[in-house]
C-alpha atoms as a PDB file:
ATOM      1  CA  MET A   1      -4.460 -18.559 -11.960  1.00  0.00           C
ATOM      2  CA  ALA A   2      -3.256 -17.130  -8.429  1.00  0.00           C
ATOM      3  CA  TYR A   3      -3.838 -13.235  -8.213  1.00  0.00           C
ATOM      4  CA  SER A   4      -2.702 -13.000  -4.344  1.00  0.00           C
ATOM      5  CA  LYS A   5       1.225 -13.255  -3.254  1.00  0.00           C
ATOM      6  CA  LEU A   6       1.740 -13.866   0.298  1.00  0.00           C
ATOM      7  CA  HIS A   7       3.307 -10.402   1.577  1.00  0.00           C
ATOM      8  CA  SER A   8       6.528 -11.269   3.992  1.00  0.00           C
ATOM      9  CA  SER A   9       4.497  -8.532   6.023  1.00  0.00           C
ATOM     10  CA  ILE A  10       2.057 -11.760   7.015  1.00  0.00           C
ATOM     11  CA  VAL A  11       4.699 -12.046   9.835  1.00  0.00           C
ATOM     12  CA  ASN A  12       4.384  -8.771  11.434  1.00  0.00           C
ATOM     13  CA  SER A  13       1.102  -8.549  12.058  1.00  0.00           C
ATOM     14  CA  SER A  14      -0.997  -9.703  14.280  1.00  0.00           C
ATOM     15  CA  LEU A  15      -3.550 -11.948  12.982  1.00  0.00           C
ATOM     16  CA  TRP A  16       0.090 -14.163  12.985  1.00  0.00           C
ATOM     17  CA  SER A  17      -0.427 -14.479  16.440  1.00  0.00           C
ATOM     18  CA  GLN A  18      -3.779 -16.389  16.203  1.00  0.00           C
ATOM     19  CA  SER A  19      -3.703 -20.234  16.611  1.00  0.00           C
ATOM     20  CA  ASP A  20      -2.602 -22.283  13.484  1.00  0.00           C
ATOM     21  CA  SER A  21      -5.432 -22.946  12.099  1.00  0.00           C
ATOM     22  CA  THR A  22      -6.788 -19.247  11.636  1.00  0.00           C
ATOM     23  CA  ARG A  23      -3.692 -18.772  10.175  1.00  0.00           C
ATOM     24  CA  LEU A  24      -3.919 -21.818   8.198  1.00  0.00           C
ATOM     25  CA  LEU A  25      -7.986 -20.601   7.120  1.00  0.00           C
ATOM     26  CA  PHE A  26      -6.705 -17.171   6.126  1.00  0.00           C
ATOM     27  CA  ILE A  27      -3.789 -17.867   3.985  1.00  0.00           C
ATOM     28  CA  THR A  28      -5.928 -21.307   2.179  1.00  0.00           C
ATOM     29  CA  LEU A  29      -8.885 -18.472   1.467  1.00  0.00           C
ATOM     30  CA  LEU A  30      -5.361 -15.866  -0.148  1.00  0.00           C
ATOM     31  CA  ALA A  31      -4.689 -18.969  -2.545  1.00  0.00           C
ATOM     32  CA  MET A  32      -8.738 -20.124  -3.348  1.00  0.00           C
ATOM     33  CA  CYS A  33      -9.311 -15.578  -4.461  1.00  0.00           C
ATOM     34  CA  ASP A  34     -10.047 -14.764  -8.172  1.00  0.00           C
ATOM     35  CA  LYS A  35      -9.098 -11.569  -8.989  1.00  0.00           C
ATOM     36  CA  ASP A  36     -11.568  -9.831  -7.037  1.00  0.00           C
ATOM     37  CA  GLY A  37     -10.558 -11.704  -3.676  1.00  0.00           C
ATOM     38  CA  MET A  38     -13.969 -13.615  -4.239  1.00  0.00           C
ATOM     39  CA  ILE A  39     -14.023 -16.766  -2.605  1.00  0.00           C
ATOM     40  CA  TYR A  40     -17.127 -18.746  -3.300  1.00  0.00           C
ATOM     41  CA  GLY A  41     -18.129 -21.795  -1.255  1.00  0.00           C
ATOM     42  CA  SER A  42     -19.934 -22.828   2.010  1.00  0.00           C
ATOM     43  CA  ARG A  43     -17.653 -22.996   5.177  1.00  0.00           C
ATOM     44  CA  SER A  44     -17.190 -26.474   5.460  1.00  0.00           C
ATOM     45  CA  GLY A  45     -16.485 -26.547   2.558  1.00  0.00           C
ATOM     46  CA  LEU A  46     -13.746 -24.511   2.787  1.00  0.00           C
ATOM     47  CA  SER A  47     -12.740 -25.878   6.125  1.00  0.00           C
ATOM     48  CA  ARG A  48     -11.960 -28.397   4.409  1.00  0.00           C
ATOM     49  CA  ALA A  49      -9.492 -27.563   1.384  1.00  0.00           C
ATOM     50  CA  ALA A  50      -7.562 -25.786   4.874  1.00  0.00           C
ATOM     51  CA  ASN A  51      -7.672 -29.593   6.012  1.00  0.00           C
ATOM     52  CA  ILE A  52      -8.127 -27.681   9.675  1.00  0.00           C
ATOM     53  CA  ASP A  53      -9.769 -29.163  12.268  1.00  0.00           C
ATOM     54  CA  PRO A  54     -13.684 -29.291  12.559  1.00  0.00           C
ATOM     55  CA  GLU A  55     -13.785 -28.184  15.876  1.00  0.00           C
ATOM     56  CA  ASP A  56     -11.324 -25.875  15.623  1.00  0.00           C
ATOM     57  CA  ALA A  57     -12.992 -24.138  12.147  1.00  0.00           C
ATOM     58  CA  GLN A  58     -15.688 -21.923  13.753  1.00  0.00           C
ATOM     59  CA  GLY A  59     -13.289 -20.872  16.127  1.00  0.00           C
ATOM     60  CA  ALA A  60     -10.964 -19.281  13.330  1.00  0.00           C
ATOM     61  CA  TRP A  61     -13.403 -18.185  10.776  1.00  0.00           C
ATOM     62  CA  ASP A  62     -15.019 -15.767  14.156  1.00  0.00           C
ATOM     63  CA  CYS A  63     -11.819 -14.941  14.419  1.00  0.00           C
ATOM     64  CA  LEU A  64     -11.509 -13.723  10.903  1.00  0.00           C
ATOM     65  CA  LEU A  65     -14.750 -11.930  10.591  1.00  0.00           C
ATOM     66  CA  SER A  66     -14.672 -10.196  13.871  1.00  0.00           C
ATOM     67  CA  SER A  67     -12.145  -6.881  14.437  1.00  0.00           C
ATOM     68  CA  ASP A  68      -9.496  -6.302  15.571  1.00  0.00           C
ATOM     69  CA  GLU A  69      -7.766  -3.929  17.497  1.00  0.00           C
ATOM     70  CA  GLU A  70      -4.511  -4.249  16.870  1.00  0.00           C
ATOM     71  CA  SER A  71      -4.305  -4.775  13.010  1.00  0.00           C
ATOM     72  CA  GLY A  72      -2.353  -2.412  10.767  1.00  0.00           C
ATOM     73  CA  ASP A  73      -5.277  -2.407   8.092  1.00  0.00           C
ATOM     74  CA  ARG A  74      -6.969   0.385  10.844  1.00  0.00           C
ATOM     75  CA  PHE A  75      -5.638   2.632   9.239  1.00  0.00           C
ATOM     76  CA  ARG A  76      -5.584   2.248   6.250  1.00  0.00           C
ATOM     77  CA  ALA A  77      -9.425   1.452   6.022  1.00  0.00           C
ATOM     78  CA  PRO A  78     -11.133   2.124   9.691  1.00  0.00           C
ATOM     79  CA  GLU A  79     -14.313   1.412   7.921  1.00  0.00           C
ATOM     80  CA  ASN A  80     -13.379  -2.527   8.349  1.00  0.00           C
ATOM     81  CA  GLU A  81     -12.502  -2.491  12.097  1.00  0.00           C
ATOM     82  CA  GLY A  82      -8.941  -4.775  11.657  1.00  0.00           C
ATOM     83  CA  ARG A  83     -11.638  -7.285  10.106  1.00  0.00           C
ATOM     84  CA  ARG A  84     -10.103  -9.596   7.715  1.00  0.00           C
ATOM     85  CA  ILE A  85     -12.904 -11.149   5.277  1.00  0.00           C
ATOM     86  CA  GLU A  86     -17.090 -10.770   4.731  1.00  0.00           C
ATOM     87  CA  GLU A  87     -19.395 -12.807   4.610  1.00  0.00           C
ATOM     88  CA  VAL A  88     -21.160 -12.343   0.925  1.00  0.00           C
ATOM     89  CA  SER A  89     -23.804 -13.997  -1.119  1.00  0.00           C
ATOM     90  CA  GLY A  90     -22.252 -17.101  -2.355  1.00  0.00           C
ATOM     91  CA  GLY A  91     -18.836 -17.252  -0.141  1.00  0.00           C
ATOM     92  CA  PHE A  92     -16.805 -14.673   1.504  1.00  0.00           C
ATOM     93  CA  ARG A  93     -14.461 -11.841   0.208  1.00  0.00           C
ATOM     94  CA  LEU A  94     -11.206 -11.102   1.546  1.00  0.00           C
ATOM     95  CA  LEU A  95     -11.055  -7.408   2.955  1.00  0.00           C
ATOM     96  CA  ASN A  96      -8.021  -4.797   1.648  1.00  0.00           C
ATOM     97  CA  PHE A  97      -7.398  -7.158  -1.134  1.00  0.00           C
ATOM     98  CA  GLU A  98      -6.874  -4.040  -3.546  1.00  0.00           C
ATOM     99  CA  TYR A  99      -4.302  -2.820  -1.370  1.00  0.00           C
ATOM    100  CA  TYR A 100      -2.348  -5.996  -0.854  1.00  0.00           C
ATOM    101  CA  ARG A 101      -2.295  -6.376  -4.849  1.00  0.00           C
ATOM    102  CA  GLY A 102      -1.769  -3.075  -5.712  1.00  0.00           C
ATOM    103  CA  LEU A 103       1.812  -3.939  -3.390  1.00  0.00           C
ATOM    104  CA  ARG A 104       2.511  -7.365  -5.172  1.00  0.00           C
ATOM    105  CA  ASN A 105       1.616  -5.491  -8.733  1.00  0.00           C
ATOM    106  CA  ASP A 106       4.490  -1.874  -8.015  1.00  0.00           C
ATOM    107  CA  ASP A 107       6.972  -5.167  -6.905  1.00  0.00           C
ATOM    108  CA  ASP A 108       6.069  -7.089 -10.072  1.00  0.00           C
ATOM    109  CA  ARG A 109       6.384  -4.116 -12.667  1.00  0.00           C
ATOM    110  CA  ARG A 110      10.587  -3.363 -10.978  1.00  0.00           C
ATOM    111  CA  ASP A 111      11.394  -6.899 -11.128  1.00  0.00           C
ATOM    112  CA  GLN A 112      10.250  -6.904 -14.829  1.00  0.00           C
ATOM    113  CA  ASN A 113      12.648  -3.939 -14.884  1.00  0.00           C
ATOM    114  CA  ARG A 114      15.220  -5.732 -13.390  1.00  0.00           C
ATOM    115  CA  ALA A 115      15.240  -7.960 -15.727  1.00  0.00           C
ATOM    116  CA  ALA A 116      14.865  -5.469 -19.265  1.00  0.00           C
ATOM    117  CA  GLN A 117      17.494  -3.556 -17.572  1.00  0.00           C
ATOM    118  CA  ALA A 118      19.658  -6.933 -17.538  1.00  0.00           C
ATOM    119  CA  ARG A 119      19.320  -7.658 -20.985  1.00  0.00           C
ATOM    120  CA  HIS A 120      19.648  -4.901 -21.781  1.00  0.00           C
ATOM    121  CA  LYS A 121      23.259  -3.894 -20.888  1.00  0.00           C
ATOM    122  CA  ALA A 122      23.696  -7.869 -22.554  1.00  0.00           C
ATOM    123  CA  ARG A 123      23.189  -6.117 -24.967  1.00  0.00           C
ATOM    124  CA  ILE A 124      25.548  -3.758 -25.464  1.00  0.00           C
ATOM    125  CA  SER A 125      27.600  -6.262 -24.089  1.00  0.00           C
ATOM    126  CA  GLN A 126      27.985  -8.498 -26.865  1.00  0.00           C
ATOM    127  CA  GLY A 127      27.411  -5.595 -29.030  1.00  0.00           C
ATOM    128  CA  LYS A 128      23.898  -6.122 -30.409  1.00  0.00           C
ATOM    129  CA  PRO A 129      22.226  -2.789 -30.697  1.00  0.00           C
ATOM    130  CA  ALA A 130      20.081  -1.877 -27.890  1.00  0.00           C
ATOM    131  CA  LYS A 131      16.380  -2.909 -27.669  1.00  0.00           C
ATOM    132  CA  ALA A 132      15.660  -2.336 -23.411  1.00  0.00           C
ATOM    133  CA  GLU A 133      12.079  -4.030 -22.498  1.00  0.00           C
ATOM    134  CA  ILE A 134      11.330  -2.288 -20.207  1.00  0.00           C
ATOM    135  CA  SER A 135       7.746  -2.204 -18.419  1.00  0.00           C
ATOM    136  CA  HIS A 136       5.494   1.141 -19.216  1.00  0.00           C
ATOM    137  CA  GLY A 137       2.362  -0.153 -17.538  1.00  0.00           C
ATOM    138  CA  LYS A 138       0.410   0.507 -15.119  1.00  0.00           C
ATOM    139  CA  PRO A 139      -0.952  -1.398 -12.840  1.00  0.00           C
ATOM    140  CA  ALA A 140      -4.103  -0.908  -9.999  1.00  0.00           C
ATOM    141  CA  LYS A 141      -3.140   0.980  -7.275  1.00  0.00           C
ATOM    142  CA  ALA A 142      -2.861   0.154  -3.653  1.00  0.00           C
ATOM    143  CA  GLU A 143      -5.609   3.090  -1.670  1.00  0.00           C
ATOM    144  CA  ILE A 144      -4.768   5.238   1.016  1.00  0.00           C
ATOM    145  CA  SER A 145      -7.946   5.536   3.673  1.00  0.00           C
ATOM    146  CA  HIS A 146      -9.009   9.539   2.447  1.00  0.00           C
ATOM    147  CA  GLY A 147      -9.455   7.621  -1.325  1.00  0.00           C
ATOM    148  CA  LYS A 148      -6.483   9.363  -3.158  1.00  0.00           C
ATOM    149  CA  PRO A 149      -4.650   6.551  -4.873  1.00  0.00           C
ATOM    150  CA  ALA A 150      -1.204   5.422  -3.896  1.00  0.00           C
ATOM    151  CA  LYS A 151      -0.135   6.598  -7.414  1.00  0.00           C
ATOM    152  CA  ALA A 152       0.339  10.111  -5.517  1.00  0.00           C
ATOM    153  CA  HIS A 153       3.005   9.112  -2.210  1.00  0.00           C
ATOM    154  CA  THR A 154       5.183   7.556  -5.487  1.00  0.00           C
ATOM    155  CA  GLU A 155       4.996  10.583  -7.184  1.00  0.00           C
ATOM    156  CA  ALA A 156       5.871  12.521  -3.899  1.00  0.00           C
ATOM    157  CA  GLU A 157       8.665   9.718  -3.004  1.00  0.00           C
ATOM    158  CA  ALA A 158       9.973  10.494  -6.688  1.00  0.00           C
ATOM    159  CA  GLU A 159      10.237  13.887  -5.886  1.00  0.00           C
ATOM    160  CA  ALA A 160      12.186  13.600  -3.124  1.00  0.00           C
ATOM    161  CA  GLU A 161      14.605  11.300  -5.045  1.00  0.00           C
ATOM    162  CA  ALA A 162      14.545  13.203  -7.916  1.00  0.00           C
ATOM    163  CA  GLU A 163      15.937  16.395  -5.153  1.00  0.00           C
ATOM    164  CA  ALA A 164      18.689  13.944  -3.820  1.00  0.00           C
ATOM    165  CA  GLU A 165      20.060  13.088  -6.907  1.00  0.00           C
ATOM    166  CA  ALA A 166      20.214  17.076  -7.656  1.00  0.00           C
ATOM    167  CA  GLU A 167      21.494  18.335  -5.367  1.00  0.00           C
ATOM    168  CA  ALA A 168      24.600  15.392  -5.398  1.00  0.00           C
ATOM    169  CA  LYS A 169      25.945  17.161  -8.852  1.00  0.00           C
ATOM    170  CA  ILE A 170      26.134  20.001  -7.312  1.00  0.00           C
ATOM    171  CA  TYR A 171      29.332  18.434  -5.606  1.00  0.00           C
ATOM    172  CA  THR A 172      30.031  15.712  -7.844  1.00  0.00           C
ATOM    173  CA  ASN A 173      32.618  18.018  -9.685  1.00  0.00           C
ATOM    174  CA  SER A 174      33.916  20.239  -6.571  1.00  0.00           C
ATOM    175  CA  SER A 175      36.443  20.040  -4.523  1.00  0.00           C
ATOM    176  CA  GLU A 176      33.514  20.944  -1.681  1.00  0.00           C
ATOM    177  CA  PRO A 177      32.918  17.988   0.836  1.00  0.00           C
ATOM    178  CA  ARG A 178      29.295  17.424   0.725  1.00  0.00           C
ATOM    179  CA  PRO A 179      27.742  18.180   3.616  1.00  0.00           C
ATOM    180  CA  ARG A 180      25.403  16.435   5.735  1.00  0.00           C
ATOM    181  CA  LYS A 181      21.840  17.524   6.895  1.00  0.00           C
ATOM    182  CA  LYS A 182      20.370  15.863  10.457  1.00  0.00           C
ATOM    183  CA  ALA A 183      16.933  14.726   9.746  1.00  0.00           C
ATOM    184  CA  GLN A 184      14.906  16.597  11.985  1.00  0.00           C
ATOM    185  CA  PRO A 185      12.271  14.514  13.106  1.00  0.00           C
ATOM    186  CA  ILE A 186       8.805  14.061  13.063  1.00  0.00           C
ATOM    187  CA  THR A 187       7.740  15.337  16.229  1.00  0.00           C
ATOM    188  CA  SER A 188       3.965  15.831  17.597  1.00  0.00           C
ATOM    189  CA  GLU A 189       4.415  19.894  18.510  1.00  0.00           C
ATOM    190  CA  TRP A 190       5.530  20.562  14.717  1.00  0.00           C
ATOM    191  CA  LEU A 191       2.566  18.831  13.353  1.00  0.00           C
ATOM    192  CA  THR A 192       0.521  20.871  15.185  1.00  0.00           C
ATOM    193  CA  GLU A 193       2.699  23.928  14.107  1.00  0.00           C
ATOM    194  CA  ILE A 194       1.537  22.463  10.561  1.00  0.00           C
ATOM    195  CA  GLN A 195      -2.063  22.648  10.640  1.00  0.00           C
ATOM    196  CA  SER A 196      -3.051  25.883   9.818  1.00  0.00           C
ATOM    197  CA  ALA A 197      -1.634  24.943   6.148  1.00  0.00           C
ATOM    198  CA  PHE A 198      -3.165  21.991   5.243  1.00  0.00           C
ATOM    199  CA  PRO A 199      -6.235  23.195   7.701  1.00  0.00           C
ATOM    200  CA  HIS A 200      -8.728  20.315   5.607  1.00  0.00           C
ATOM    201  CA  THR A 201      -6.711  17.757   6.759  1.00  0.00           C
ATOM    202  CA  SER A 202      -5.128  15.652   9.964  1.00  0.00           C
ATOM    203  CA  PRO A 203      -1.639  16.214  10.154  1.00  0.00           C
ATOM    204  CA  HIS A 204      -1.498  13.586  13.516  1.00  0.00           C
ATOM    205  CA  SER A 205      -3.948  11.427  11.876  1.00  0.00           C
ATOM    206  CA  GLU A 206      -2.056  11.244   7.901  1.00  0.00           C
ATOM    207  CA  PHE A 207       1.682  10.944   9.624  1.00  0.00           C
ATOM    208  CA  ALA A 208       0.163   7.700  10.709  1.00  0.00           C
ATOM    209  CA  LYS A 209      -0.842   6.332   6.935  1.00  0.00           C
ATOM    210  CA  ALA A 210       1.737   8.109   5.245  1.00  0.00           C
ATOM    211  CA  LYS A 211       4.242   6.944   8.637  1.00  0.00           C
ATOM    212  CA  LEU A 212       2.662   2.765   7.287  1.00  0.00           C
ATOM    213  CA  TRP A 213       3.023   3.345   4.058  1.00  0.00           C
ATOM    214  CA  CYS A 214       6.650   4.451   4.092  1.00  0.00           C
ATOM    215  CA  ASP A 215       7.144   1.292   6.480  1.00  0.00           C
ATOM    216  CA  ALA A 216       6.343  -1.682   3.343  1.00  0.00           C
ATOM    217  CA  LYS A 217       7.240   0.021   0.758  1.00  0.00           C
ATOM    218  CA  ASN A 218      10.833   0.052   3.059  1.00  0.00           C
ATOM    219  CA  ARG A 219      11.505   4.152   3.745  1.00  0.00           C
ATOM    220  CA  ILE A 220      11.652   6.813   5.388  1.00  0.00           C
ATOM    221  CA  CYS A 221       8.907   8.716   6.527  1.00  0.00           C
ATOM    222  CA  SER A 222      10.913  12.410   6.439  1.00  0.00           C
ATOM    223  CA  ARG A 223       9.314  15.546   6.911  1.00  0.00           C
ATOM    224  CA  ALA A 224       9.851  16.329   3.413  1.00  0.00           C
ATOM    225  CA  PHE A 225       7.833  13.633   2.574  1.00  0.00           C
ATOM    226  CA  LEU A 226       5.494  14.185   5.027  1.00  0.00           C
ATOM    227  CA  LEU A 227       4.444  17.534   3.643  1.00  0.00           C
ATOM    228  CA  ASN A 228       4.404  16.036  -0.168  1.00  0.00           C
ATOM    229  CA  TRP A 229       1.935  13.913   0.889  1.00  0.00           C
ATOM    230  CA  LEU A 230      -0.669  16.251   2.891  1.00  0.00           C
ATOM    231  CA  GLY A 231      -0.058  18.831  -0.034  1.00  0.00           C
ATOM    232  CA  ARG A 232      -0.878  15.956  -2.772  1.00  0.00           C
ATOM    233  CA  ILE A 233      -4.518  15.774  -0.221  1.00  0.00           C
ATOM    234  CA  PRO A 234      -7.871  17.386  -2.275  1.00  0.00           C
ATOM    235  CA  PRO A 235      -9.819  19.753  -0.078  1.00  0.00           C
ATOM    236  CA  PRO A 236     -13.503  18.569   0.461  1.00  0.00           C
ATOM    237  CA  PRO A 237     -15.918  20.495  -2.228  1.00  0.00           C
ATOM    238  CA  THR A 238     -17.477  22.880  -1.115  1.00  0.00           C
ATOM    239  CA  ALA A 239     -20.903  23.928  -1.692  1.00  0.00           C
ATOM    240  CA  ASN A 240     -20.962  25.566  -4.236  1.00  0.00           C
ATOM    241  CA  SER A 241     -18.868  22.729  -6.387  1.00  0.00           C
ATOM    242  CA  ILE A 242     -21.189  20.952  -5.517  1.00  0.00           C
ATOM    243  CA  LYS A 243     -24.364  22.941  -7.112  1.00  0.00           C
ATOM    244  CA  ARG A 244     -22.053  23.356 -10.913  1.00  0.00           C
ATOM    245  CA  SER A 245     -20.998  19.434 -10.632  1.00  0.00           C
ATOM    246  CA  VAL A 246     -24.818  19.053 -10.961  1.00  0.00           C
ATOM    247  CA  GLU A 247     -26.474  22.370 -12.857  1.00  0.00           C
ATOM    248  CA  PRO A 248     -27.981  21.211 -16.127  1.00  0.00           C
ATOM    249  CA  LEU A 249     -26.049  21.989 -19.143  1.00  0.00           C
ATOM    250  CA  ARG A 250     -27.999  24.817 -21.711  1.00  0.00           C
END
């Protein structure tokens, strides 16, 4: 059973500029990993499975195990320093596997819902009772580097879309033309200006993470979206809260 999905974003990654052997080895590891992103086997055995030249195998392994200054994953998981895999007992583990699997699950859920809606509309057109089989499952979400699941940012996106729909309804039955709002760009000056409203985090660094997330979702990282993003980052625990969490019950 396959647990990984090859995203089209890989062709825009720094990995795609590496040698053919490196790319082929990484794609082979994606195809062989289990549900936890683990691949069991030796370097020589996995190199044979990837069908790469033994003379090129060592360079391919070194590339995947080494840090990459140009990797976009450095924003999501800076502790990995852009590495693609790590060596573990009995084999290797794909780093950032949970993040990319979360993106896959989001895409799969949307495809399931679109198919269910199409079946629902077909029943109505044929005079059959409506029975939309919408998927309400909540697959694993991709995690953002500050420890907060991507669900919070999905909610921020939903809130922005709901506000847009509400605004559209105001002008639906009115002859007054709907005003066009010019989106204000996110500048370094504006990020510095809002710093006081979010003293427990850095708007500059969070903007880089939010922009990367929006690019992956084909969304626009607006000021409103970034403010929602920043507002959902919990402040660090205080000494009193830590003390209360460890106090024994009496």
